[in-house]
Amino acid sequence: MSRSIGKTAGGLWLDATWPEPRLIPADSLARAEAMARALLIAADIHPINNLRVLKRLEAQFGADEAAKADWYRHWIAEGFAALEAMAGEGPFLGGDTPDVGDVLLVPQMYNARRFELPLDAYPRLVAADAAASALEPFAAAHPDRARPA
């Protein structure tokens, strides 16, 4: 297997395609920390709150909109509590530059606000979201601007 195929298969497609700025740090410890933050969002928060799960809550358990919103807020709050503890000193999740965790944070913060989750307990996440959202590539991909056709 070529080195570039291994990187792409390992989830480093963005850095393999656009090497600057790096979203997955080269340093092994920083890379592990960035991936832990990203996976917390991608594997812990998002799957349990996706549309398919919310529809199943309604179909199987009769959950109404209020119950589904409570479910959503509960699980995003659980994930955000862990992510807040993992966040660096900022301005981004991992420190001075955005990384893959920030890419995943911005849409989750959007969802947290959409489902009216109070964010006072997550000052580092709020700050990282603001710092990332101020950058043009993040702003261009923000859910408010990136609507399906």
Protein backbone atom coordinates (compact mmCIF):
# COMPACT_ATOMS: atom_id res chain seq x y z
CA MET A 1 0.00 0.00 0.00
CA SER A 2 1.42 3.39 -0.93
CA ARG A 3 1.95 5.93 1.79
CA SER A 4 -0.65 8.34 0.34
CA ILE A 5 -3.30 5.61 0.12
CA GLY A 6 -2.62 4.66 3.73
CA LYS A 7 -3.01 8.26 4.84
CA THR A 8 -6.23 8.67 2.91
CA ALA A 9 -7.62 5.39 4.23
CA GLY A 10 -6.64 6.48 7.73
CA GLY A 11 -8.85 9.55 7.61
CA LEU A 12 -6.19 12.05 6.57
CA TRP A 13 -7.75 12.89 3.21
CA LEU A 14 -7.96 16.62 3.86
CA ASP A 15 -4.30 16.91 4.82
CA ALA A 16 -3.28 14.65 1.92
CA THR A 17 -5.29 16.76 -0.53
CA TRP A 18 -4.65 20.21 0.98
CA PRO A 19 -1.49 20.00 3.10
CA GLU A 20 -1.76 23.57 4.40
CA PRO A 21 -3.09 24.39 6.82
CA ARG A 22 -2.80 20.99 8.50
CA LEU A 23 -5.97 19.86 10.23
CA ILE A 24 -4.37 16.73 11.68
CA PRO A 25 -1.14 17.59 13.51
CA ALA A 26 2.12 15.91 12.50
CA ASP A 27 3.21 15.52 16.13
CA SER A 28 1.96 12.16 17.41
CA LEU A 29 0.65 13.41 20.77
CA ALA A 30 -1.08 16.44 19.24
CA ARG A 31 -2.51 14.16 16.51
CA ALA A 32 -3.90 11.73 19.10
CA GLU A 33 -5.49 14.58 21.05
CA ALA A 34 -6.99 16.14 17.91
CA MET A 35 -8.38 12.80 16.78
CA ALA A 36 -9.82 12.09 20.25
CA ARG A 37 -11.70 15.41 20.16
CA ALA A 38 -12.88 14.83 16.59
CA LEU A 39 -13.99 11.27 17.29
CA LEU A 40 -15.89 12.35 20.40
CA ILE A 41 -18.03 14.50 18.11
CA ALA A 42 -18.16 12.16 15.11
CA ALA A 43 -18.62 8.89 16.97
CA ASP A 44 -20.20 9.85 20.28
CA ILE A 45 -22.43 12.88 19.75
CA HIS A 46 -23.48 12.81 16.12
CA PRO A 47 -24.60 9.19 15.58
CA ILE A 48 -27.06 9.17 18.45
CA ASN A 49 -28.61 12.46 17.36
CA ASN A 50 -28.91 11.95 13.63
CA LEU A 51 -32.25 12.11 11.85
CA ARG A 52 -32.53 8.33 11.57
CA VAL A 53 -32.35 7.93 15.36
CA LEU A 54 -34.78 10.79 15.99
CA LYS A 55 -37.28 9.23 13.56
CA ARG A 56 -36.92 5.87 15.33
CA LEU A 57 -37.63 7.51 18.68
CA GLU A 58 -40.85 8.85 17.22
CA ALA A 59 -41.89 5.68 15.38
CA GLN A 60 -41.03 3.11 18.05
CA PHE A 61 -41.55 5.05 21.26
CA GLY A 62 -44.00 7.76 20.25
CA ALA A 63 -41.60 10.57 21.08
CA ASP A 64 -43.05 13.96 20.19
CA GLU A 65 -40.98 16.98 19.14
CA ALA A 66 -40.38 18.04 22.76
CA ALA A 67 -39.16 14.57 23.74
CA LYS A 68 -36.86 14.39 20.71
CA ALA A 69 -35.46 17.83 21.54
CA ASP A 70 -34.83 16.72 25.15
CA TRP A 71 -33.06 13.60 23.84
CA TYR A 72 -30.92 15.70 21.53
CA ARG A 73 -29.98 18.22 24.23
CA HIS A 74 -29.15 15.46 26.71
CA TRP A 75 -26.69 13.67 24.43
CA ILE A 76 -25.05 16.78 23.06
CA ALA A 77 -24.62 18.06 26.63
CA GLU A 78 -22.98 14.76 27.64
CA GLY A 79 -20.58 14.99 24.72
CA PHE A 80 -19.91 18.70 25.19
CA ALA A 81 -19.05 18.18 28.87
CA ALA A 82 -16.35 15.70 27.86
CA LEU A 83 -15.18 17.87 24.96
CA GLU A 84 -14.97 20.96 27.18
CA ALA A 85 -12.62 19.04 29.48
CA MET A 86 -10.49 18.00 26.49
CA ALA A 87 -10.30 21.45 24.90
CA GLY A 88 -6.99 23.28 24.90
CA GLU A 89 -6.38 26.82 26.03
CA GLY A 90 -7.52 28.14 22.66
CA PRO A 91 -8.50 30.04 20.76
CA PHE A 92 -9.22 26.73 18.98
CA LEU A 93 -9.94 23.31 20.47
CA GLY A 94 -6.32 22.24 20.21
CA GLY A 95 -4.61 25.56 20.77
CA ASP A 96 -3.39 28.25 18.41
CA THR A 97 -4.55 26.75 15.10
CA PRO A 98 -7.75 25.00 14.01
CA ASP A 99 -7.69 21.25 13.61
CA VAL A 100 -10.07 18.48 12.61
CA GLY A 101 -11.95 18.82 15.90
CA ASP A 102 -12.85 22.42 15.08
CA VAL A 103 -14.16 21.28 11.69
CA LEU A 104 -16.59 18.99 13.48
CA LEU A 105 -17.34 21.37 16.35
CA VAL A 106 -18.88 24.18 14.28
CA PRO A 107 -21.88 22.16 12.99
CA GLN A 108 -22.43 20.62 16.44
CA MET A 109 -22.52 24.06 18.01
CA TYR A 110 -25.04 25.04 15.36
CA ASN A 111 -27.18 22.04 16.34
CA ALA A 112 -26.80 22.81 20.04
CA ARG A 113 -28.14 26.30 19.43
CA ARG A 114 -30.89 25.01 17.15
CA PHE A 115 -32.07 22.68 19.93
CA GLU A 116 -31.65 25.47 22.50
CA LEU A 117 -28.98 23.84 24.62
CA PRO A 118 -27.65 26.39 27.15
CA LEU A 119 -23.95 26.85 26.39
CA ASP A 120 -22.77 28.58 29.57
CA ALA A 121 -21.05 25.41 30.81
CA TYR A 122 -18.89 25.22 27.67
CA PRO A 123 -16.88 28.46 27.42
CA ARG A 124 -13.95 26.84 25.61
CA LEU A 125 -16.27 25.32 23.02
CA VAL A 126 -18.07 28.61 22.50
CA ALA A 127 -14.71 30.39 22.08
CA ALA A 128 -13.37 27.75 19.68
CA ASP A 129 -16.58 27.89 17.64
CA ALA A 130 -16.33 31.69 17.41
CA ALA A 131 -12.64 31.56 16.43
CA ALA A 132 -13.24 28.93 13.76
CA SER A 133 -16.39 30.60 12.44
CA ALA A 134 -14.44 33.84 11.97
CA LEU A 135 -12.18 32.11 9.40
CA GLU A 136 -13.45 32.30 5.82
CA PRO A 137 -13.24 28.54 5.03
CA PHE A 138 -15.33 27.79 8.13
CA ALA A 139 -17.72 30.66 7.42
CA ALA A 140 -18.19 29.46 3.84
CA ALA A 141 -19.10 25.95 5.05
CA HIS A 142 -21.25 27.11 7.98
CA PRO A 143 -24.72 25.47 8.03
CA ASP A 144 -26.36 28.89 7.55
CA ARG A 145 -24.48 29.33 4.27
CA ALA A 146 -24.18 25.73 3.06
CA ARG A 147 -27.80 24.82 2.38
CA PRO A 148 -28.65 21.89 0.11
CA ALA A 149 -29.93 22.86 -3.33
